[in-house]
C-alpha cells in the first residue's frame, strides 16, 4: 500500500513537472508573437504615420502651398501681363490706328469745297469737263474775262509772261473764265490761240457766274476791272483783286499763296 501511494505521489510530481515545462515552453512563443506583433505594429505605425505625415503633412502642405501660391502668382503675373501691359499696348495700338486714320483722312483731302469749285466746266480746247476742285494740291490763278474786253487782253498778256516764267512749276495752274455765256467753246479757243494764250480757257454758265458773284461780289462779273483771285493748294482762296497787275506782281502773288 505504501508503495502504491509513493508511486502515485511520484506520478503526480512528474505530471506537475511536465505541466510546468509545457507552460514555460509556451511563454516564449507568446512573448515572441507579442513582441513581433508589437514591433510590427509600431514599425508599421511609424512608417504609416511617418508616410502620412510626409505625404499629407508638412511635405504635402509645403508642396501644395508652394505650388498653389506659385501657380496663383504665375497666373496673376500672366493675367497682369495679358490684361495690363499687353492690353495697354493693344489700346495704344487702337489709338495709333485711330490717329493714323485721322491723319489719312486729312492727307487724302477732306476739303469742304464750295459749290462753284465743284461745278463742271468745259475746256475750250478739248471740250472735256473739269472743275476747279480738280486742281487740289495746286495753286490756281483764276481770272474772269471777255473776248471783247481790251483791258482783259492787256492783263492776259501779263499773265502770259508770268505763266511762261512759271511753266516748269507743275503745281501752278492758270485758268481764264469767260463771262460770255453765249460764246461757244470753239470761239473762245480760237481767241486764245490768236492771242497766244496757252493755258486753260472755259465759258462759264449762268449758275457759275451767280455762285462767283455770291462769293466775291458783283465786281467778279465786271470784265474791264480785270477781276482775279487765287485758289490755294488746300482749297481755300484769296479775296478778289482787280486791276492790271504786272507779270512780276502776278508771279509774286502766286508764289506767296503756294
C-alpha atoms as a PDB file:
ATOM      1  CA  UNK A   1       0.000   0.000   0.000  1.00  0.00           C
ATOM      2  CA  UNK A   2       2.680   2.388   0.920  1.00  0.00           C
ATOM      3  CA  UNK A   3       4.433   1.546  -2.301  1.00  0.00           C
ATOM      4  CA  UNK A   4       1.339   2.351  -4.271  1.00  0.00           C
ATOM      5  CA  UNK A   5       0.872   5.655  -2.503  1.00  0.00           C
ATOM      6  CA  UNK A   6       4.509   6.514  -3.134  1.00  0.00           C
ATOM      7  CA  UNK A   7       4.193   5.771  -6.824  1.00  0.00           C
ATOM      8  CA  UNK A   8       1.124   7.957  -7.102  1.00  0.00           C
ATOM      9  CA  UNK A   9       2.969  10.829  -5.413  1.00  0.00           C
ATOM     10  CA  UNK A  10       5.869  10.419  -7.774  1.00  0.00           C
ATOM     11  CA  UNK A  11       3.492  10.303 -10.785  1.00  0.00           C
ATOM     12  CA  UNK A  12       1.749  13.417  -9.603  1.00  0.00           C
ATOM     13  CA  UNK A  13       5.045  15.208  -9.277  1.00  0.00           C
ATOM     14  CA  UNK A  14       6.005  14.123 -12.753  1.00  0.00           C
ATOM     15  CA  UNK A  15       2.711  15.403 -14.128  1.00  0.00           C
ATOM     16  CA  UNK A  16       3.227  18.740 -12.390  1.00  0.00           C
ATOM     17  CA  UNK A  17       6.751  18.938 -13.711  1.00  0.00           C
ATOM     18  CA  UNK A  18       5.579  18.225 -17.240  1.00  0.00           C
ATOM     19  CA  UNK A  19       2.829  20.757 -16.856  1.00  0.00           C
ATOM     20  CA  UNK A  20       5.344  23.397 -15.706  1.00  0.00           C
ATOM     21  CA  UNK A  21       7.631  22.692 -18.650  1.00  0.00           C
ATOM     22  CA  UNK A  22       4.764  22.997 -21.039  1.00  0.00           C
ATOM     23  CA  UNK A  23       3.737  26.399 -19.611  1.00  0.00           C
ATOM     24  CA  UNK A  24       7.306  27.585 -19.574  1.00  0.00           C
ATOM     25  CA  UNK A  25       7.842  26.462 -23.146  1.00  0.00           C
ATOM     26  CA  UNK A  26       4.735  28.239 -24.351  1.00  0.00           C
ATOM     27  CA  UNK A  27       5.646  31.597 -22.880  1.00  0.00           C
ATOM     28  CA  UNK A  28       8.445  32.363 -25.404  1.00  0.00           C
ATOM     29  CA  UNK A  29       6.019  31.760 -28.187  1.00  0.00           C
ATOM     30  CA  UNK A  30       3.552  34.204 -26.693  1.00  0.00           C
ATOM     31  CA  UNK A  31       6.289  36.681 -25.943  1.00  0.00           C
ATOM     32  CA  UNK A  32       7.819  36.283 -29.402  1.00  0.00           C
ATOM     33  CA  UNK A  33       4.447  36.700 -31.006  1.00  0.00           C
ATOM     34  CA  UNK A  34       3.607  39.706 -28.874  1.00  0.00           C
ATOM     35  CA  UNK A  35       6.980  41.237 -29.484  1.00  0.00           C
ATOM     36  CA  UNK A  36       6.783  40.556 -33.174  1.00  0.00           C
ATOM     37  CA  UNK A  37       3.292  41.881 -33.332  1.00  0.00           C
ATOM     38  CA  UNK A  38       4.133  44.923 -31.266  1.00  0.00           C
ATOM     39  CA  UNK A  39       7.260  45.634 -33.219  1.00  0.00           C
ATOM     40  CA  UNK A  40       5.451  45.152 -36.498  1.00  0.00           C
ATOM     41  CA  UNK A  41       2.606  47.281 -35.317  1.00  0.00           C
ATOM     42  CA  UNK A  42       4.866  50.055 -34.114  1.00  0.00           C
ATOM     43  CA  UNK A  43       7.039  49.888 -37.177  1.00  0.00           C
ATOM     44  CA  UNK A  44       4.020  49.905 -39.407  1.00  0.00           C
ATOM     45  CA  UNK A  45       2.536  52.644 -37.303  1.00  0.00           C
ATOM     46  CA  UNK A  46       5.676  54.674 -37.537  1.00  0.00           C
ATOM     47  CA  UNK A  47       6.009  54.024 -41.238  1.00  0.00           C
ATOM     48  CA  UNK A  48       2.380  54.737 -41.928  1.00  0.00           C
ATOM     49  CA  UNK A  49       2.364  57.691 -39.597  1.00  0.00           C
ATOM     50  CA  UNK A  50       5.637  58.914 -40.970  1.00  0.00           C
ATOM     51  CA  UNK A  51       4.476  58.372 -44.515  1.00  0.00           C
ATOM     52  CA  UNK A  52       1.199  60.018 -43.742  1.00  0.00           C
ATOM     53  CA  UNK A  53       2.905  62.988 -42.211  1.00  0.00           C
ATOM     54  CA  UNK A  54       5.418  63.098 -45.007  1.00  0.00           C
ATOM     55  CA  UNK A  55       2.760  62.686 -47.703  1.00  0.00           C
ATOM     56  CA  UNK A  56      -0.117  64.593 -46.189  1.00  0.00           C
ATOM     57  CA  UNK A  57       1.519  66.636 -43.505  1.00  0.00           C
ATOM     58  CA  UNK A  58       4.327  69.071 -43.806  1.00  0.00           C
ATOM     59  CA  UNK A  59       5.605  67.927 -47.179  1.00  0.00           C
ATOM     60  CA  UNK A  60       2.166  67.925 -48.766  1.00  0.00           C
ATOM     61  CA  UNK A  61       1.343  71.249 -47.192  1.00  0.00           C
ATOM     62  CA  UNK A  62       4.611  72.710 -48.411  1.00  0.00           C
ATOM     63  CA  UNK A  63       4.206  71.259 -51.867  1.00  0.00           C
ATOM     64  CA  UNK A  64       0.560  72.208 -52.222  1.00  0.00           C
ATOM     65  CA  UNK A  65       1.050  75.594 -50.602  1.00  0.00           C
ATOM     66  CA  UNK A  66       4.186  76.324 -52.558  1.00  0.00           C
ATOM     67  CA  UNK A  67       2.805  75.065 -55.844  1.00  0.00           C
ATOM     68  CA  UNK A  68      -0.521  76.741 -55.315  1.00  0.00           C
ATOM     69  CA  UNK A  69       0.993  80.064 -54.468  1.00  0.00           C
ATOM     70  CA  UNK A  70       3.450  79.788 -57.324  1.00  0.00           C
ATOM     71  CA  UNK A  71       0.664  78.861 -59.759  1.00  0.00           C
ATOM     72  CA  UNK A  72      -1.546  81.652 -58.486  1.00  0.00           C
ATOM     73  CA  UNK A  73       1.345  84.095 -58.657  1.00  0.00           C
ATOM     74  CA  UNK A  74       2.255  82.932 -62.149  1.00  0.00           C
ATOM     75  CA  UNK A  75      -1.350  83.126 -63.299  1.00  0.00           C
ATOM     76  CA  UNK A  76      -1.670  86.524 -61.685  1.00  0.00           C
ATOM     77  CA  UNK A  77       1.500  87.714 -63.380  1.00  0.00           C
ATOM     78  CA  UNK A  78       0.293  86.308 -66.684  1.00  0.00           C
ATOM     79  CA  UNK A  79      -3.057  87.973 -66.147  1.00  0.00           C
ATOM     80  CA  UNK A  80      -1.389  91.267 -65.398  1.00  0.00           C
ATOM     81  CA  UNK A  81       0.840  90.915 -68.430  1.00  0.00           C
ATOM     82  CA  UNK A  82      -2.050  89.912 -70.692  1.00  0.00           C
ATOM     83  CA  UNK A  83      -4.594  92.276 -69.196  1.00  0.00           C
ATOM     84  CA  UNK A  84      -2.252  95.037 -68.181  1.00  0.00           C
ATOM     85  CA  UNK A  85       0.732  95.952 -70.264  1.00  0.00           C
ATOM     86  CA  UNK A  86      -0.331  93.898 -73.278  1.00  0.00           C
ATOM     87  CA  UNK A  87      -3.851  95.274 -73.169  1.00  0.00           C
ATOM     88  CA  UNK A  88      -2.413  98.739 -72.753  1.00  0.00           C
ATOM     89  CA  UNK A  89      -0.308  98.049 -75.811  1.00  0.00           C
ATOM     90  CA  UNK A  90      -3.490  96.999 -77.571  1.00  0.00           C
ATOM     91  CA  UNK A  91      -5.186 100.216 -76.514  1.00  0.00           C
ATOM     92  CA  UNK A  92      -2.182 102.196 -77.665  1.00  0.00           C
ATOM     93  CA  UNK A  93      -2.333 100.367 -80.974  1.00  0.00           C
ATOM     94  CA  UNK A  94      -6.020 101.251 -81.248  1.00  0.00           C
ATOM     95  CA  UNK A  95      -5.168 104.884 -80.523  1.00  0.00           C
ATOM     96  CA  UNK A  96      -2.390 104.770 -83.091  1.00  0.00           C
ATOM     97  CA  UNK A  97      -4.754 103.278 -85.668  1.00  0.00           C
ATOM     98  CA  UNK A  98      -7.343 105.947 -84.928  1.00  0.00           C
ATOM     99  CA  UNK A  99      -4.665 108.655 -85.139  1.00  0.00           C
ATOM    100  CA  UNK A 100      -3.381 107.174 -88.402  1.00  0.00           C
ATOM    101  CA  UNK A 101      -6.898 107.031 -89.809  1.00  0.00           C
ATOM    102  CA  UNK A 102      -7.497 110.659 -88.897  1.00  0.00           C
ATOM    103  CA  UNK A 103      -4.154 111.620 -90.411  1.00  0.00           C
ATOM    104  CA  UNK A 104      -5.017 109.716 -93.581  1.00  0.00           C
ATOM    105  CA  UNK A 105      -8.362 111.499 -93.798  1.00  0.00           C
ATOM    106  CA  UNK A 106      -6.574 114.838 -93.610  1.00  0.00           C
ATOM    107  CA  UNK A 107      -3.909 113.776 -96.099  1.00  0.00           C
ATOM    108  CA  UNK A 108      -6.495 112.365 -98.507  1.00  0.00           C
ATOM    109  CA  UNK A 109      -8.120 115.780 -98.673  1.00  0.00           C
ATOM    110  CA  UNK A 110     -11.239 116.129 -96.581  1.00  0.00           C
ATOM    111  CA  UNK A 111     -11.772 119.607 -98.053  1.00  0.00           C
ATOM    112  CA  UNK A 112     -15.190 121.228 -97.895  1.00  0.00           C
ATOM    113  CA  UNK A 113     -15.291 122.514-101.436  1.00  0.00           C
ATOM    114  CA  UNK A 114     -17.512 125.429-102.353  1.00  0.00           C
ATOM    115  CA  UNK A 115     -20.171 124.689-104.960  1.00  0.00           C
ATOM    116  CA  UNK A 116     -18.532 126.972-107.521  1.00  0.00           C
ATOM    117  CA  UNK A 117     -15.318 124.955-107.122  1.00  0.00           C
ATOM    118  CA  UNK A 118     -17.024 121.675-107.945  1.00  0.00           C
ATOM    119  CA  UNK A 119     -19.313 122.956-110.724  1.00  0.00           C
ATOM    120  CA  UNK A 120     -18.488 121.322-114.054  1.00  0.00           C
ATOM    121  CA  UNK A 121     -16.931 123.436-116.813  1.00  0.00           C
ATOM    122  CA  UNK A 122     -15.840 122.542-120.340  1.00  0.00           C
ATOM    123  CA  UNK A 123     -12.305 123.032-121.545  1.00  0.00           C
ATOM    124  CA  UNK A 124     -12.469 125.318-124.586  1.00  0.00           C
ATOM    125  CA  UNK A 125      -9.763 123.364-126.425  1.00  0.00           C
ATOM    126  CA  UNK A 126     -10.755 119.750-125.735  1.00  0.00           C
ATOM    127  CA  UNK A 127     -14.408 120.050-124.765  1.00  0.00           C
ATOM    128  CA  UNK A 128     -13.698 117.784-121.776  1.00  0.00           C
ATOM    129  CA  UNK A 129     -15.326 118.562-118.425  1.00  0.00           C
ATOM    130  CA  UNK A 130     -13.306 119.779-115.462  1.00  0.00           C
ATOM    131  CA  UNK A 131     -13.795 121.722-112.250  1.00  0.00           C
ATOM    132  CA  UNK A 132     -11.575 123.990-110.208  1.00  0.00           C
ATOM    133  CA  UNK A 133     -11.611 121.381-107.434  1.00  0.00           C
ATOM    134  CA  UNK A 134      -9.744 119.029-109.796  1.00  0.00           C
ATOM    135  CA  UNK A 135      -6.638 121.071-109.064  1.00  0.00           C
ATOM    136  CA  UNK A 136      -6.494 120.157-105.381  1.00  0.00           C
ATOM    137  CA  UNK A 137      -2.933 120.490-104.090  1.00  0.00           C
ATOM    138  CA  UNK A 138      -2.058 123.099-106.706  1.00  0.00           C
ATOM    139  CA  UNK A 139      -2.067 126.889-106.761  1.00  0.00           C
ATOM    140  CA  UNK A 140      -4.661 128.137-109.272  1.00  0.00           C
ATOM    141  CA  UNK A 141      -4.689 131.673-110.679  1.00  0.00           C
ATOM    142  CA  UNK A 142      -8.256 132.401-111.863  1.00  0.00           C
ATOM    143  CA  UNK A 143      -9.273 135.406-113.955  1.00  0.00           C
ATOM    144  CA  UNK A 144     -12.715 136.240-115.302  1.00  0.00           C
ATOM    145  CA  UNK A 145     -12.664 137.938-118.705  1.00  0.00           C
ATOM    146  CA  UNK A 146     -14.422 138.613-122.021  1.00  0.00           C
ATOM    147  CA  UNK A 147     -13.125 138.423-125.553  1.00  0.00           C
ATOM    148  CA  UNK A 148     -14.374 141.921-126.338  1.00  0.00           C
ATOM    149  CA  UNK A 149     -12.603 143.477-123.292  1.00  0.00           C
ATOM    150  CA  UNK A 150      -9.396 145.410-124.161  1.00  0.00           C
ATOM    151  CA  UNK A 151      -8.351 145.637-120.510  1.00  0.00           C
ATOM    152  CA  UNK A 152      -8.673 141.870-120.286  1.00  0.00           C
ATOM    153  CA  UNK A 153      -6.353 141.467-123.282  1.00  0.00           C
ATOM    154  CA  UNK A 154      -3.700 143.691-121.684  1.00  0.00           C
ATOM    155  CA  UNK A 155      -3.963 141.864-118.421  1.00  0.00           C
ATOM    156  CA  UNK A 156      -3.834 138.439-120.086  1.00  0.00           C
ATOM    157  CA  UNK A 157      -0.641 139.473-121.889  1.00  0.00           C
ATOM    158  CA  UNK A 158       0.961 139.976-118.482  1.00  0.00           C
ATOM    159  CA  UNK A 159      -0.456 136.651-117.344  1.00  0.00           C
ATOM    160  CA  UNK A 160       1.176 135.038-120.395  1.00  0.00           C
ATOM    161  CA  UNK A 161       4.590 136.342-119.301  1.00  0.00           C
ATOM    162  CA  UNK A 162       4.047 135.114-115.732  1.00  0.00           C
ATOM    163  CA  UNK A 163       2.795 131.731-116.948  1.00  0.00           C
ATOM    164  CA  UNK A 164       5.887 131.289-119.110  1.00  0.00           C
ATOM    165  CA  UNK A 165       8.149 132.130-116.161  1.00  0.00           C
ATOM    166  CA  UNK A 166       6.386 129.524-114.005  1.00  0.00           C
ATOM    167  CA  UNK A 167       5.984 126.918-116.744  1.00  0.00           C
ATOM    168  CA  UNK A 168       8.374 124.464-115.035  1.00  0.00           C
ATOM    169  CA  UNK A 169       6.310 124.509-111.853  1.00  0.00           C
ATOM    170  CA  UNK A 170       3.647 121.816-112.314  1.00  0.00           C
ATOM    171  CA  UNK A 171       1.920 122.895-109.105  1.00  0.00           C
ATOM    172  CA  UNK A 172       0.848 126.230-110.601  1.00  0.00           C
ATOM    173  CA  UNK A 173      -2.176 126.423-112.911  1.00  0.00           C
ATOM    174  CA  UNK A 174      -3.722 129.347-114.814  1.00  0.00           C
ATOM    175  CA  UNK A 175      -7.420 129.355-115.738  1.00  0.00           C
ATOM    176  CA  UNK A 176      -9.334 132.052-117.664  1.00  0.00           C
ATOM    177  CA  UNK A 177     -13.154 132.020-117.383  1.00  0.00           C
ATOM    178  CA  UNK A 178     -15.253 133.901-119.924  1.00  0.00           C
ATOM    179  CA  UNK A 179     -18.311 135.797-118.738  1.00  0.00           C
ATOM    180  CA  UNK A 180     -19.884 135.454-122.224  1.00  0.00           C
ATOM    181  CA  UNK A 181     -22.463 132.739-121.639  1.00  0.00           C
ATOM    182  CA  UNK A 182     -23.494 132.765-125.338  1.00  0.00           C
ATOM    183  CA  UNK A 183     -19.922 132.186-126.558  1.00  0.00           C
ATOM    184  CA  UNK A 184     -19.025 128.726-127.852  1.00  0.00           C
ATOM    185  CA  UNK A 185     -16.009 126.864-126.592  1.00  0.00           C
ATOM    186  CA  UNK A 186     -14.576 126.774-130.102  1.00  0.00           C
ATOM    187  CA  UNK A 187     -14.736 130.541-130.484  1.00  0.00           C
ATOM    188  CA  UNK A 188     -13.090 131.053-127.118  1.00  0.00           C
ATOM    189  CA  UNK A 189     -10.327 128.628-128.032  1.00  0.00           C
ATOM    190  CA  UNK A 190      -9.639 130.438-131.324  1.00  0.00           C
ATOM    191  CA  UNK A 191      -9.394 133.716-129.405  1.00  0.00           C
ATOM    192  CA  UNK A 192      -6.851 132.172-127.028  1.00  0.00           C
ATOM    193  CA  UNK A 193      -4.803 130.787-129.924  1.00  0.00           C
ATOM    194  CA  UNK A 194      -4.874 134.044-131.872  1.00  0.00           C
ATOM    195  CA  UNK A 195      -3.637 135.963-128.806  1.00  0.00           C
ATOM    196  CA  UNK A 196      -1.018 133.350-127.917  1.00  0.00           C
ATOM    197  CA  UNK A 197      -2.587 132.437-124.596  1.00  0.00           C
ATOM    198  CA  UNK A 198      -1.528 128.877-123.985  1.00  0.00           C
ATOM    199  CA  UNK A 199      -3.399 127.901-120.783  1.00  0.00           C
ATOM    200  CA  UNK A 200      -6.854 126.684-119.923  1.00  0.00           C
ATOM    201  CA  UNK A 201      -9.935 128.657-121.021  1.00  0.00           C
ATOM    202  CA  UNK A 202     -13.620 127.907-120.417  1.00  0.00           C
ATOM    203  CA  UNK A 203     -17.003 129.585-120.866  1.00  0.00           C
ATOM    204  CA  UNK A 204     -18.987 129.930-117.642  1.00  0.00           C
ATOM    205  CA  UNK A 205     -22.722 129.209-117.465  1.00  0.00           C
ATOM    206  CA  UNK A 206     -25.122 131.454-115.587  1.00  0.00           C
ATOM    207  CA  UNK A 207     -25.051 129.351-112.438  1.00  0.00           C
ATOM    208  CA  UNK A 208     -21.270 129.588-112.194  1.00  0.00           C
ATOM    209  CA  UNK A 209     -21.423 133.393-112.594  1.00  0.00           C
ATOM    210  CA  UNK A 210     -24.111 133.634-109.892  1.00  0.00           C
ATOM    211  CA  UNK A 211     -22.103 131.480-107.482  1.00  0.00           C
ATOM    212  CA  UNK A 212     -18.955 133.559-108.019  1.00  0.00           C
ATOM    213  CA  UNK A 213     -20.914 136.783-107.520  1.00  0.00           C
ATOM    214  CA  UNK A 214     -22.348 135.411-104.278  1.00  0.00           C
ATOM    215  CA  UNK A 215     -18.854 134.582-103.040  1.00  0.00           C
ATOM    216  CA  UNK A 216     -16.763 137.517-104.318  1.00  0.00           C
ATOM    217  CA  UNK A 217     -19.329 140.231-105.048  1.00  0.00           C
ATOM    218  CA  UNK A 218     -20.574 141.731-108.322  1.00  0.00           C
ATOM    219  CA  UNK A 219     -17.098 143.007-109.230  1.00  0.00           C
ATOM    220  CA  UNK A 220     -16.207 139.475-110.349  1.00  0.00           C
ATOM    221  CA  UNK A 221     -18.669 139.893-113.239  1.00  0.00           C
ATOM    222  CA  UNK A 222     -17.146 143.236-114.392  1.00  0.00           C
ATOM    223  CA  UNK A 223     -14.657 142.170-117.079  1.00  0.00           C
ATOM    224  CA  UNK A 224     -12.983 145.602-117.629  1.00  0.00           C
ATOM    225  CA  UNK A 225     -11.945 145.688-113.957  1.00  0.00           C
ATOM    226  CA  UNK A 226      -9.867 142.542-114.703  1.00  0.00           C
ATOM    227  CA  UNK A 227     -11.035 140.613-111.600  1.00  0.00           C
ATOM    228  CA  UNK A 228      -8.851 137.721-110.399  1.00  0.00           C
ATOM    229  CA  UNK A 229      -8.230 135.559-107.333  1.00  0.00           C
ATOM    230  CA  UNK A 230      -6.067 132.608-106.325  1.00  0.00           C
ATOM    231  CA  UNK A 231      -7.114 129.195-105.017  1.00  0.00           C
ATOM    232  CA  UNK A 232      -4.531 127.798-102.622  1.00  0.00           C
ATOM    233  CA  UNK A 233      -3.355 124.140-102.596  1.00  0.00           C
ATOM    234  CA  UNK A 234      -5.585 123.369 -99.588  1.00  0.00           C
ATOM    235  CA  UNK A 235      -8.703 124.554-101.444  1.00  0.00           C
ATOM    236  CA  UNK A 236      -9.038 127.902 -99.695  1.00  0.00           C
ATOM    237  CA  UNK A 237      -8.933 131.108-101.710  1.00  0.00           C
ATOM    238  CA  UNK A 238      -7.854 134.714-101.536  1.00  0.00           C
ATOM    239  CA  UNK A 239     -10.097 137.744-101.737  1.00  0.00           C
ATOM    240  CA  UNK A 240     -10.936 139.163-105.141  1.00  0.00           C
ATOM    241  CA  UNK A 241      -8.355 141.502-106.699  1.00  0.00           C
ATOM    242  CA  UNK A 242      -8.901 143.912-109.605  1.00  0.00           C
ATOM    243  CA  UNK A 243      -6.590 145.952-111.814  1.00  0.00           C
ATOM    244  CA  UNK A 244      -3.922 145.245-114.409  1.00  0.00           C
ATOM    245  CA  UNK A 245      -1.055 143.679-112.453  1.00  0.00           C
ATOM    246  CA  UNK A 246       2.396 143.363-113.996  1.00  0.00           C
ATOM    247  CA  UNK A 247       3.899 139.932-114.704  1.00  0.00           C
ATOM    248  CA  UNK A 248       6.218 140.275-111.701  1.00  0.00           C
ATOM    249  CA  UNK A 249       3.297 141.149-109.449  1.00  0.00           C
ATOM    250  CA  UNK A 250       1.363 138.121-110.680  1.00  0.00           C
ATOM    251  CA  UNK A 251       4.371 135.839-110.049  1.00  0.00           C
ATOM    252  CA  UNK A 252       4.794 137.259-106.559  1.00  0.00           C
ATOM    253  CA  UNK A 253       1.113 136.719-105.784  1.00  0.00           C
ATOM    254  CA  UNK A 254       1.202 133.106-106.957  1.00  0.00           C
ATOM    255  CA  UNK A 255       4.381 132.251-105.059  1.00  0.00           C
ATOM    256  CA  UNK A 256       3.041 133.865-101.896  1.00  0.00           C
ATOM    257  CA  UNK A 257      -0.027 131.602-101.946  1.00  0.00           C
ATOM    258  CA  UNK A 258       1.751 128.398-102.983  1.00  0.00           C
END
